[in-house]
Amino acid sequence: MHSKFIDKFTENEKKVYNTILNNNYVTTNDIASITGLANRTIANIIKKLKEQNIIKGIGPDKGSHWEVK
């Protein structure tokens, strides 16, 4: 786990990360429903997590899943 990154996460980043960690097949719409965050906010957080190599999308846009590194 990337504890050095997780300690610096905002509350919203923690919500998104934990949602993906609990279900790596979750969609951004699912994350929005679970966390109450806007899709745009989620997209920005996912982009940041990808850039930090914390998560990676595996597969095509539809039917893919997340790999948590």
N, C-alpha and C. Protein backbone atom coordinates (compact mmCIF):
# COMPACT_ATOMS: atom_id res chain seq x y z
N MET A 1 0.83 -1.18 0.00
CA MET A 1 0.00 0.00 0.00
C MET A 1 0.88 1.25 0.00
N HIS A 2 0.40 2.29 -0.54
CA HIS A 2 1.13 3.54 -0.64
C HIS A 2 0.84 4.43 0.56
N SER A 3 1.25 3.99 1.74
CA SER A 3 0.89 4.74 2.94
C SER A 3 1.49 6.15 2.95
N LYS A 4 2.65 6.34 2.31
CA LYS A 4 3.22 7.69 2.29
C LYS A 4 2.34 8.65 1.50
N PHE A 5 1.61 8.14 0.50
CA PHE A 5 0.67 8.97 -0.26
C PHE A 5 -0.65 9.09 0.48
N ILE A 6 -1.12 8.00 1.02
CA ILE A 6 -2.44 7.97 1.66
C ILE A 6 -2.50 8.95 2.82
N ASP A 7 -1.42 9.08 3.56
CA ASP A 7 -1.39 10.01 4.69
C ASP A 7 -1.62 11.45 4.23
N LYS A 8 -1.28 11.75 2.99
CA LYS A 8 -1.40 13.10 2.46
C LYS A 8 -2.68 13.31 1.66
N PHE A 9 -3.52 12.29 1.54
CA PHE A 9 -4.78 12.40 0.79
C PHE A 9 -5.73 13.36 1.47
N THR A 10 -6.52 14.05 0.66
CA THR A 10 -7.63 14.83 1.19
C THR A 10 -8.74 13.85 1.57
N GLU A 11 -9.75 14.33 2.25
CA GLU A 11 -10.87 13.46 2.61
C GLU A 11 -11.54 12.88 1.36
N ASN A 12 -11.72 13.71 0.33
CA ASN A 12 -12.35 13.23 -0.90
C ASN A 12 -11.49 12.18 -1.59
N GLU A 13 -10.18 12.38 -1.59
CA GLU A 13 -9.28 11.39 -2.20
C GLU A 13 -9.35 10.07 -1.45
N LYS A 14 -9.44 10.14 -0.13
CA LYS A 14 -9.57 8.92 0.68
C LYS A 14 -10.86 8.19 0.35
N LYS A 15 -11.95 8.95 0.19
CA LYS A 15 -13.24 8.34 -0.15
C LYS A 15 -13.15 7.57 -1.47
N VAL A 16 -12.58 8.21 -2.48
CA VAL A 16 -12.47 7.58 -3.80
C VAL A 16 -11.55 6.37 -3.73
N TYR A 17 -10.39 6.53 -3.12
CA TYR A 17 -9.41 5.44 -3.01
C TYR A 17 -10.02 4.25 -2.28
N ASN A 18 -10.66 4.48 -1.16
CA ASN A 18 -11.25 3.38 -0.38
C ASN A 18 -12.39 2.70 -1.13
N THR A 19 -13.16 3.47 -1.89
CA THR A 19 -14.23 2.89 -2.68
C THR A 19 -13.66 1.95 -3.73
N ILE A 20 -12.60 2.38 -4.41
CA ILE A 20 -11.95 1.53 -5.42
C ILE A 20 -11.29 0.33 -4.75
N LEU A 21 -10.68 0.53 -3.60
CA LEU A 21 -10.02 -0.55 -2.87
C LEU A 21 -11.02 -1.63 -2.48
N ASN A 22 -12.23 -1.23 -2.10
CA ASN A 22 -13.27 -2.17 -1.67
C ASN A 22 -13.92 -2.90 -2.83
N ASN A 23 -13.92 -2.30 -4.02
CA ASN A 23 -14.53 -2.93 -5.20
C ASN A 23 -13.80 -2.43 -6.45
N ASN A 24 -12.88 -3.23 -6.96
CA ASN A 24 -12.08 -2.75 -8.08
C ASN A 24 -12.82 -2.77 -9.42
N TYR A 25 -14.08 -3.17 -9.42
CA TYR A 25 -14.90 -3.09 -10.64
C TYR A 25 -15.88 -1.92 -10.59
N VAL A 26 -15.74 -1.05 -9.61
CA VAL A 26 -16.65 0.07 -9.43
C VAL A 26 -16.45 1.09 -10.57
N THR A 27 -17.55 1.69 -11.01
CA THR A 27 -17.50 2.71 -12.06
C THR A 27 -17.45 4.10 -11.43
N THR A 28 -17.14 5.09 -12.23
CA THR A 28 -17.13 6.45 -11.69
C THR A 28 -18.53 6.86 -11.24
N ASN A 29 -19.56 6.40 -11.94
CA ASN A 29 -20.93 6.69 -11.50
C ASN A 29 -21.23 6.03 -10.16
N ASP A 30 -20.72 4.80 -9.98
CA ASP A 30 -20.89 4.12 -8.69
C ASP A 30 -20.18 4.90 -7.59
N ILE A 31 -18.96 5.35 -7.89
CA ILE A 31 -18.20 6.12 -6.90
C ILE A 31 -18.96 7.38 -6.52
N ALA A 32 -19.56 8.03 -7.51
CA ALA A 32 -20.36 9.24 -7.25
C ALA A 32 -21.53 8.93 -6.32
N SER A 33 -22.22 7.82 -6.57
CA SER A 33 -23.36 7.44 -5.72
C SER A 33 -22.92 7.11 -4.30
N ILE A 34 -21.79 6.42 -4.19
CA ILE A 34 -21.31 5.99 -2.88
C ILE A 34 -20.76 7.16 -2.06
N THR A 35 -20.00 8.02 -2.71
CA THR A 35 -19.31 9.10 -1.98
C THR A 35 -20.08 10.41 -1.94
N GLY A 36 -21.00 10.60 -2.89
CA GLY A 36 -21.72 11.86 -2.96
C GLY A 36 -20.91 12.96 -3.66
N LEU A 37 -19.80 12.59 -4.27
CA LEU A 37 -18.96 13.56 -4.98
C LEU A 37 -19.42 13.71 -6.42
N ALA A 38 -19.10 14.84 -7.01
CA ALA A 38 -19.43 15.09 -8.42
C ALA A 38 -18.51 14.27 -9.32
N ASN A 39 -19.03 13.88 -10.49
CA ASN A 39 -18.24 13.10 -11.44
C ASN A 39 -16.94 13.81 -11.82
N ARG A 40 -16.99 15.12 -11.96
CA ARG A 40 -15.79 15.89 -12.33
C ARG A 40 -14.73 15.80 -11.23
N THR A 41 -15.18 15.87 -9.99
CA THR A 41 -14.26 15.75 -8.85
C THR A 41 -13.61 14.37 -8.84
N ILE A 42 -14.42 13.35 -9.08
CA ILE A 42 -13.92 11.98 -9.11
C ILE A 42 -12.92 11.81 -10.25
N ALA A 43 -13.22 12.36 -11.41
CA ALA A 43 -12.31 12.26 -12.55
C ALA A 43 -10.96 12.89 -12.22
N ASN A 44 -10.98 14.04 -11.57
CA ASN A 44 -9.74 14.71 -11.18
C ASN A 44 -8.94 13.88 -10.17
N ILE A 45 -9.63 13.30 -9.22
CA ILE A 45 -8.97 12.47 -8.21
C ILE A 45 -8.38 11.22 -8.85
N ILE A 46 -9.14 10.58 -9.73
CA ILE A 46 -8.65 9.37 -10.40
C ILE A 46 -7.42 9.70 -11.24
N LYS A 47 -7.46 10.83 -11.92
CA LYS A 47 -6.30 11.26 -12.71
C LYS A 47 -5.07 11.41 -11.82
N LYS A 48 -5.25 12.03 -10.67
CA LYS A 48 -4.14 12.22 -9.73
C LYS A 48 -3.60 10.88 -9.22
N LEU A 49 -4.51 9.96 -8.88
CA LEU A 49 -4.10 8.65 -8.38
C LEU A 49 -3.36 7.86 -9.46
N LYS A 50 -3.79 8.00 -10.71
CA LYS A 50 -3.10 7.34 -11.82
C LYS A 50 -1.70 7.93 -12.01
N GLU A 51 -1.59 9.25 -11.95
CA GLU A 51 -0.30 9.92 -12.14
C GLU A 51 0.70 9.52 -11.05
N GLN A 52 0.20 9.23 -9.86
CA GLN A 52 1.06 8.82 -8.76
C GLN A 52 1.27 7.31 -8.74
N ASN A 53 0.77 6.61 -9.77
CA ASN A 53 0.89 5.14 -9.89
C ASN A 53 0.31 4.40 -8.69
N ILE A 54 -0.78 4.93 -8.16
CA ILE A 54 -1.47 4.28 -7.05
C ILE A 54 -2.55 3.35 -7.57
N ILE A 55 -3.21 3.76 -8.64
CA ILE A 55 -4.21 2.91 -9.30
C ILE A 55 -3.92 2.88 -10.79
N LYS A 56 -4.47 1.86 -11.45
CA LYS A 56 -4.34 1.74 -12.89
C LYS A 56 -5.63 1.12 -13.42
N GLY A 57 -6.15 1.70 -14.49
CA GLY A 57 -7.33 1.13 -15.14
C GLY A 57 -6.89 -0.01 -16.04
N ILE A 58 -7.52 -1.17 -15.90
CA ILE A 58 -7.19 -2.35 -16.69
C ILE A 58 -8.36 -2.66 -17.61
N GLY A 59 -8.10 -2.75 -18.91
CA GLY A 59 -9.13 -3.12 -19.86
C GLY A 59 -9.74 -1.92 -20.55
N PRO A 60 -10.75 -2.18 -21.39
CA PRO A 60 -11.42 -1.10 -22.12
C PRO A 60 -12.26 -0.25 -21.17
N ASP A 61 -12.73 0.90 -21.68
CA ASP A 61 -13.52 1.79 -20.83
C ASP A 61 -14.74 1.09 -20.23
N LYS A 62 -15.40 0.27 -21.02
CA LYS A 62 -16.55 -0.48 -20.51
C LYS A 62 -16.09 -1.90 -20.17
N GLY A 63 -16.39 -2.33 -18.97
CA GLY A 63 -16.03 -3.68 -18.54
C GLY A 63 -14.63 -3.78 -17.97
N SER A 64 -14.03 -2.67 -17.66
CA SER A 64 -12.68 -2.70 -17.11
C SER A 64 -12.73 -2.79 -15.58
N HIS A 65 -11.55 -2.82 -15.00
CA HIS A 65 -11.47 -2.80 -13.54
C HIS A 65 -10.22 -2.02 -13.13
N TRP A 66 -10.13 -1.74 -11.85
CA TRP A 66 -9.01 -0.97 -11.31
C TRP A 66 -8.00 -1.92 -10.67
N GLU A 67 -6.74 -1.61 -10.87
CA GLU A 67 -5.68 -2.32 -10.16
C GLU A 67 -5.10 -1.32 -9.15
N VAL A 68 -5.14 -1.71 -7.88
CA VAL A 68 -4.57 -0.87 -6.84
C VAL A 68 -3.19 -1.40 -6.57
N LYS A 69 -2.21 -0.52 -6.73
CA LYS A 69 -0.80 -0.95 -6.59
C LYS A 69 -0.31 -0.77 -5.18
